[in-house]
PDB file of N, CA and C in Angstrom:
ATOM      1  N   MET A   1      59.439 116.432  38.471  1.00  0.00           N
ATOM      2  CA  MET A   1      60.168 117.491  37.821  1.00  0.00           C
ATOM      3  C   MET A   1      59.401 118.804  37.915  1.00  0.00           C
ATOM      4  N   LEU A   2      58.080 118.729  37.792  1.00  0.00           N
ATOM      5  CA  LEU A   2      57.277 119.951  37.857  1.00  0.00           C
ATOM      6  C   LEU A   2      57.435 120.653  39.203  1.00  0.00           C
ATOM      7  N   LEU A   3      57.492 119.888  40.263  1.00  0.00           N
ATOM      8  CA  LEU A   3      57.692 120.492  41.579  1.00  0.00           C
ATOM      9  C   LEU A   3      59.079 121.117  41.710  1.00  0.00           C
ATOM     10  N   ARG A   4      60.063 120.519  41.085  1.00  0.00           N
ATOM     11  CA  ARG A   4      61.423 121.052  41.164  1.00  0.00           C
ATOM     12  C   ARG A   4      61.569 122.384  40.450  1.00  0.00           C
ATOM     13  N   VAL A   5      60.756 122.623  39.431  1.00  0.00           N
ATOM     14  CA  VAL A   5      60.859 123.881  38.688  1.00  0.00           C
ATOM     15  C   VAL A   5      59.767 124.878  39.073  1.00  0.00           C
ATOM     16  N   ALA A   6      59.090 124.623  40.165  1.00  0.00           N
ATOM     17  CA  ALA A   6      58.000 125.505  40.585  1.00  0.00           C
ATOM     18  C   ALA A   6      58.470 126.939  40.797  1.00  0.00           C
ATOM     19  N   GLY A   7      59.710 127.136  41.128  1.00  0.00           N
ATOM     20  CA  GLY A   7      60.253 128.483  41.305  1.00  0.00           C
ATOM     21  C   GLY A   7      60.716 129.109  40.011  1.00  0.00           C
ATOM     22  N   GLN A   8      60.577 128.400  38.913  1.00  0.00           N
ATOM     23  CA  GLN A   8      61.047 128.887  37.610  1.00  0.00           C
ATOM     24  C   GLN A   8      59.865 129.163  36.685  1.00  0.00           C
ATOM     25  N   LEU A   9      58.889 129.865  37.197  1.00  0.00           N
ATOM     26  CA  LEU A   9      57.689 130.172  36.419  1.00  0.00           C
ATOM     27  C   LEU A   9      57.846 131.504  35.703  1.00  0.00           C
ATOM     28  N   ARG A  10      57.253 131.591  34.535  1.00  0.00           N
ATOM     29  CA  ARG A  10      57.175 132.862  33.811  1.00  0.00           C
ATOM     30  C   ARG A  10      55.876 133.533  34.255  1.00  0.00           C
ATOM     31  N   VAL A  11      55.976 134.804  34.617  1.00  0.00           N
ATOM     32  CA  VAL A  11      54.828 135.522  35.169  1.00  0.00           C
ATOM     33  C   VAL A  11      54.602 136.802  34.361  1.00  0.00           C
ATOM     34  N   ALA A  12      53.351 137.059  34.003  1.00  0.00           N
ATOM     35  CA  ALA A  12      52.975 138.268  33.269  1.00  0.00           C
ATOM     36  C   ALA A  12      52.997 139.462  34.220  1.00  0.00           C
ATOM     37  N   PRO A  13      53.075 140.676  33.677  1.00  0.00           N
ATOM     38  CA  PRO A  13      53.092 141.866  34.530  1.00  0.00           C
ATOM     39  C   PRO A  13      51.933 141.941  35.523  1.00  0.00           C
ATOM     40  N   GLY A  14      50.771 141.408  35.177  1.00  0.00           N
ATOM     41  CA  GLY A  14      49.628 141.427  36.087  1.00  0.00           C
ATOM     42  C   GLY A  14      49.681 140.359  37.167  1.00  0.00           C
ATOM     43  N   GLY A  15      50.698 139.493  37.111  1.00  0.00           N
ATOM     44  CA  GLY A  15      50.868 138.459  38.120  1.00  0.00           C
ATOM     45  C   GLY A  15      50.407 137.075  37.705  1.00  0.00           C
ATOM     46  N   ALA A  16      49.811 136.958  36.527  1.00  0.00           N
ATOM     47  CA  ALA A  16      49.348 135.652  36.060  1.00  0.00           C
ATOM     48  C   ALA A  16      50.528 134.801  35.583  1.00  0.00           C
ATOM     49  N   VAL A  17      50.520 133.544  35.945  1.00  0.00           N
ATOM     50  CA  VAL A  17      51.559 132.621  35.497  1.00  0.00           C
ATOM     51  C   VAL A  17      51.296 132.298  34.032  1.00  0.00           C
ATOM     52  N   THR A  18      52.335 132.428  33.195  1.00  0.00           N
ATOM     53  CA  THR A  18      52.181 132.167  31.764  1.00  0.00           C
ATOM     54  C   THR A  18      52.871 130.872  31.340  1.00  0.00           C
ATOM     55  N   GLY A  19      53.614 130.270  32.237  1.00  0.00           N
ATOM     56  CA  GLY A  19      54.266 129.004  31.906  1.00  0.00           C
ATOM     57  C   GLY A  19      55.504 128.772  32.739  1.00  0.00           C
ATOM     58  N   ILE A  20      56.205 127.722  32.372  1.00  0.00           N
ATOM     59  CA  ILE A  20      57.452 127.330  33.027  1.00  0.00           C
ATOM     60  C   ILE A  20      58.604 127.790  32.146  1.00  0.00           C
ATOM     61  N   ASP A  21      59.680 128.221  32.734  1.00  0.00           N
ATOM     62  CA  ASP A  21      60.883 128.518  31.969  1.00  0.00           C
ATOM     63  C   ASP A  21      61.476 127.170  31.553  1.00  0.00           C
ATOM     64  N   LEU A  22      61.114 126.727  30.358  1.00  0.00           N
ATOM     65  CA  LEU A  22      61.494 125.383  29.914  1.00  0.00           C
ATOM     66  C   LEU A  22      62.999 125.231  29.729  1.00  0.00           C
ATOM     67  N   GLY A  23      63.689 126.304  29.371  1.00  0.00           N
ATOM     68  CA  GLY A  23      65.148 126.229  29.245  1.00  0.00           C
ATOM     69  C   GLY A  23      65.807 125.882  30.571  1.00  0.00           C
ATOM     70  N   VAL A  24      65.391 126.565  31.618  1.00  0.00           N
ATOM     71  CA  VAL A  24      65.909 126.280  32.959  1.00  0.00           C
ATOM     72  C   VAL A  24      65.518 124.876  33.382  1.00  0.00           C
ATOM     73  N   ALA A  25      64.281 124.497  33.098  1.00  0.00           N
ATOM     74  CA  ALA A  25      63.806 123.164  33.474  1.00  0.00           C
ATOM     75  C   ALA A  25      64.636 122.073  32.804  1.00  0.00           C
ATOM     76  N   MET A  26      64.976 122.277  31.553  1.00  0.00           N
ATOM     77  CA  MET A  26      65.778 121.272  30.844  1.00  0.00           C
ATOM     78  C   MET A  26      67.189 121.186  31.424  1.00  0.00           C
ATOM     79  N   HIS A  27      67.769 122.313  31.775  1.00  0.00           N
ATOM     80  CA  HIS A  27      69.092 122.302  32.410  1.00  0.00           C
ATOM     81  C   HIS A  27      69.042 121.583  33.758  1.00  0.00           C
ATOM     82  N   MET A  28      67.984 121.821  34.516  1.00  0.00           N
ATOM     83  CA  MET A  28      67.833 121.139  35.800  1.00  0.00           C
ATOM     84  C   MET A  28      67.681 119.636  35.604  1.00  0.00           C
ATOM     85  N   ALA A  29      66.877 119.255  34.617  1.00  0.00           N
ATOM     86  CA  ALA A  29      66.671 117.833  34.340  1.00  0.00           C
ATOM     87  C   ALA A  29      67.989 117.154  33.972  1.00  0.00           C
ATOM     88  N   GLU A  30      68.773 117.832  33.163  1.00  0.00           N
ATOM     89  CA  GLU A  30      70.073 117.282  32.766  1.00  0.00           C
ATOM     90  C   GLU A  30      70.994 117.150  33.976  1.00  0.00           C
ATOM     91  N   ALA A  31      71.033 118.186  34.811  1.00  0.00           N
ATOM     92  CA  ALA A  31      71.885 118.166  35.998  1.00  0.00           C
ATOM     93  C   ALA A  31      71.468 117.063  36.971  1.00  0.00           C
ATOM     94  N   LEU A  32      70.188 116.749  36.998  1.00  0.00           N
ATOM     95  CA  LEU A  32      69.675 115.712  37.886  1.00  0.00           C
ATOM     96  C   LEU A  32      69.798 114.311  37.290  1.00  0.00           C
ATOM     97  N   GLY A  33      70.260 114.239  36.051  1.00  0.00           N
ATOM     98  CA  GLY A  33      70.458 112.942  35.416  1.00  0.00           C
ATOM     99  C   GLY A  33      69.201 112.337  34.829  1.00  0.00           C
ATOM    100  N   PHE A  34      68.176 113.162  34.604  1.00  0.00           N
ATOM    101  CA  PHE A  34      66.943 112.662  34.019  1.00  0.00           C
ATOM    102  C   PHE A  34      67.124 112.417  32.524  1.00  0.00           C
ATOM    103  N   ASP A  35      66.269 111.587  31.971  1.00  0.00           N
ATOM    104  CA  ASP A  35      66.247 111.336  30.534  1.00  0.00           C
ATOM    105  C   ASP A  35      65.723 112.603  29.856  1.00  0.00           C
ATOM    106  N   ILE A  36      66.602 113.323  29.177  1.00  0.00           N
ATOM    107  CA  ILE A  36      66.255 114.620  28.600  1.00  0.00           C
ATOM    108  C   ILE A  36      65.151 114.488  27.551  1.00  0.00           C
ATOM    109  N   ALA A  37      65.210 113.441  26.754  1.00  0.00           N
ATOM    110  CA  ALA A  37      64.184 113.254  25.730  1.00  0.00           C
ATOM    111  C   ALA A  37      62.811 113.072  26.373  1.00  0.00           C
ATOM    112  N   ALA A  38      62.751 112.315  27.451  1.00  0.00           N
ATOM    113  CA  ALA A  38      61.480 112.094  28.144  1.00  0.00           C
ATOM    114  C   ALA A  38      60.976 113.390  28.773  1.00  0.00           C
ATOM    115  N   VAL A  39      61.871 114.135  29.394  1.00  0.00           N
ATOM    116  CA  VAL A  39      61.476 115.403  30.011  1.00  0.00           C
ATOM    117  C   VAL A  39      60.987 116.375  28.938  1.00  0.00           C
ATOM    118  N   ALA A  40      61.692 116.449  27.826  1.00  0.00           N
ATOM    119  CA  ALA A  40      61.293 117.345  26.736  1.00  0.00           C
ATOM    120  C   ALA A  40      59.929 116.958  26.187  1.00  0.00           C
ATOM    121  N   ASP A  41      59.615 115.691  26.206  1.00  0.00           N
ATOM    122  CA  ASP A  41      58.328 115.218  25.714  1.00  0.00           C
ATOM    123  C   ASP A  41      57.200 115.470  26.709  1.00  0.00           C
ATOM    124  N   LEU A  42      57.469 115.267  27.992  1.00  0.00           N
ATOM    125  CA  LEU A  42      56.423 115.322  29.008  1.00  0.00           C
ATOM    126  C   LEU A  42      56.196 116.696  29.629  1.00  0.00           C
ATOM    127  N   LEU A  43      57.237 117.486  29.748  1.00  0.00           N
ATOM    128  CA  LEU A  43      57.116 118.750  30.473  1.00  0.00           C
ATOM    129  C   LEU A  43      56.128 119.729  29.835  1.00  0.00           C
ATOM    130  N   PRO A  44      56.056 119.857  28.519  1.00  0.00           N
ATOM    131  CA  PRO A  44      55.042 120.767  27.955  1.00  0.00           C
ATOM    132  C   PRO A  44      53.612 120.368  28.323  1.00  0.00           C
ATOM    133  N   ASP A  45      53.338 119.070  28.393  1.00  0.00           N
ATOM    134  CA  ASP A  45      51.998 118.636  28.808  1.00  0.00           C
ATOM    135  C   ASP A  45      51.762 118.933  30.287  1.00  0.00           C
ATOM    136  N   ALA A  46      52.790 118.765  31.095  1.00  0.00           N
ATOM    137  CA  ALA A  46      52.676 119.103  32.515  1.00  0.00           C
ATOM    138  C   ALA A  46      52.440 120.603  32.676  1.00  0.00           C
ATOM    139  N   GLU A  47      53.133 121.396  31.877  1.00  0.00           N
ATOM    140  CA  GLU A  47      52.951 122.846  31.905  1.00  0.00           C
ATOM    141  C   GLU A  47      51.513 123.204  31.524  1.00  0.00           C
ATOM    142  N   ALA A  48      50.983 122.569  30.501  1.00  0.00           N
ATOM    143  CA  ALA A  48      49.606 122.830  30.074  1.00  0.00           C
ATOM    144  C   ALA A  48      48.624 122.490  31.190  1.00  0.00           C
ATOM    145  N   GLY A  49      48.848 121.379  31.875  1.00  0.00           N
ATOM    146  CA  GLY A  49      47.983 121.003  32.991  1.00  0.00           C
ATOM    147  C   GLY A  49      48.070 121.999  34.136  1.00  0.00           C
ATOM    148  N   LEU A  50      49.272 122.468  34.413  1.00  0.00           N
ATOM    149  CA  LEU A  50      49.478 123.476  35.450  1.00  0.00           C
ATOM    150  C   LEU A  50      48.703 124.746  35.115  1.00  0.00           C
ATOM    151  N   LEU A  51      48.828 125.211  33.886  1.00  0.00           N
ATOM    152  CA  LEU A  51      48.141 126.435  33.473  1.00  0.00           C
ATOM    153  C   LEU A  51      46.624 126.263  33.492  1.00  0.00           C
ATOM    154  N   GLU A  52      46.158 125.096  33.098  1.00  0.00           N
ATOM    155  CA  GLU A  52      44.719 124.827  33.140  1.00  0.00           C
ATOM    156  C   GLU A  52      44.203 124.853  34.580  1.00  0.00           C
ATOM    157  N   GLY A  53      44.936 124.229  35.476  1.00  0.00           N
ATOM    158  CA  GLY A  53      44.542 124.225  36.883  1.00  0.00           C
ATOM    159  C   GLY A  53      44.540 125.617  37.487  1.00  0.00           C
ATOM    160  N   LEU A  54      45.554 126.413  37.150  1.00  0.00           N
ATOM    161  CA  LEU A  54      45.604 127.783  37.658  1.00  0.00           C
ATOM    162  C   LEU A  54      44.456 128.617  37.098  1.00  0.00           C
ATOM    163  N   ALA A  55      44.105 128.399  35.834  1.00  0.00           N
ATOM    164  CA  ALA A  55      42.975 129.124  35.236  1.00  0.00           C
ATOM    165  C   ALA A  55      41.675 128.768  35.939  1.00  0.00           C
ATOM    166  N   ARG A  56      41.504 127.502  36.266  1.00  0.00           N
ATOM    167  CA  ARG A  56      40.290 127.088  36.999  1.00  0.00           C
ATOM    168  C   ARG A  56      40.237 127.734  38.372  1.00  0.00           C
ATOM    169  N   LEU A  57      41.364 127.776  39.064  1.00  0.00           N
ATOM    170  CA  LEU A  57      41.399 128.416  40.379  1.00  0.00           C
ATOM    171  C   LEU A  57      41.058 129.893  40.280  1.00  0.00           C
ATOM    172  N   ARG A  58      41.610 130.566  39.261  1.00  0.00           N
ATOM    173  CA  ARG A  58      41.306 131.986  39.061  1.00  0.00           C
ATOM    174  C   ARG A  58      39.812 132.175  38.822  1.00  0.00           C
ATOM    175  N   ALA A  59      39.222 131.319  37.987  1.00  0.00           N
ATOM    176  CA  ALA A  59      37.795 131.426  37.672  1.00  0.00           C
ATOM    177  C   ALA A  59      36.931 131.180  38.912  1.00  0.00           C
ATOM    178  N   GLU A  60      37.313 130.218  39.713  1.00  0.00           N
ATOM    179  CA  GLU A  60      36.553 129.909  40.937  1.00  0.00           C
ATOM    180  C   GLU A  60      36.639 131.018  41.960  1.00  0.00           C
ATOM    181  N   ASN A  61      37.756 131.743  41.976  1.00  0.00           N
ATOM    182  CA  ASN A  61      37.977 132.783  42.985  1.00  0.00           C
ATOM    183  C   ASN A  61      37.682 134.182  42.462  1.00  0.00           C
ATOM    184  N   ASP A  62      37.195 134.286  41.232  1.00  0.00           N
ATOM    185  CA  ASP A  62      36.881 135.586  40.649  1.00  0.00           C
ATOM    186  C   ASP A  62      35.598 136.119  41.280  1.00  0.00           C
ATOM    187  N   PRO A  63      35.666 137.264  41.944  1.00  0.00           N
ATOM    188  CA  PRO A  63      34.481 137.782  42.648  1.00  0.00           C
ATOM    189  C   PRO A  63      33.391 138.311  41.732  1.00  0.00           C
ATOM    190  N   THR A  64      33.641 138.461  40.442  1.00  0.00           N
ATOM    191  CA  THR A  64      32.614 139.024  39.554  1.00  0.00           C
ATOM    192  C   THR A  64      31.659 137.995  39.053  1.00  0.00           C
TER     193      THR A  64
END
């Protein structure tokens, strides 16, 4: 599901990803026939992992 909503990211003015548009993600999950309760339970944790990974990449690539 996380890969399916990769194009539905919320982005800050500076270009940093701030999260997934969970409303869109839930609509997509419903349209795909996924268990909505399971998606609602799991997607926030997946979003947190995504943001953590992106923060690590930013830190590793920070030239300062």
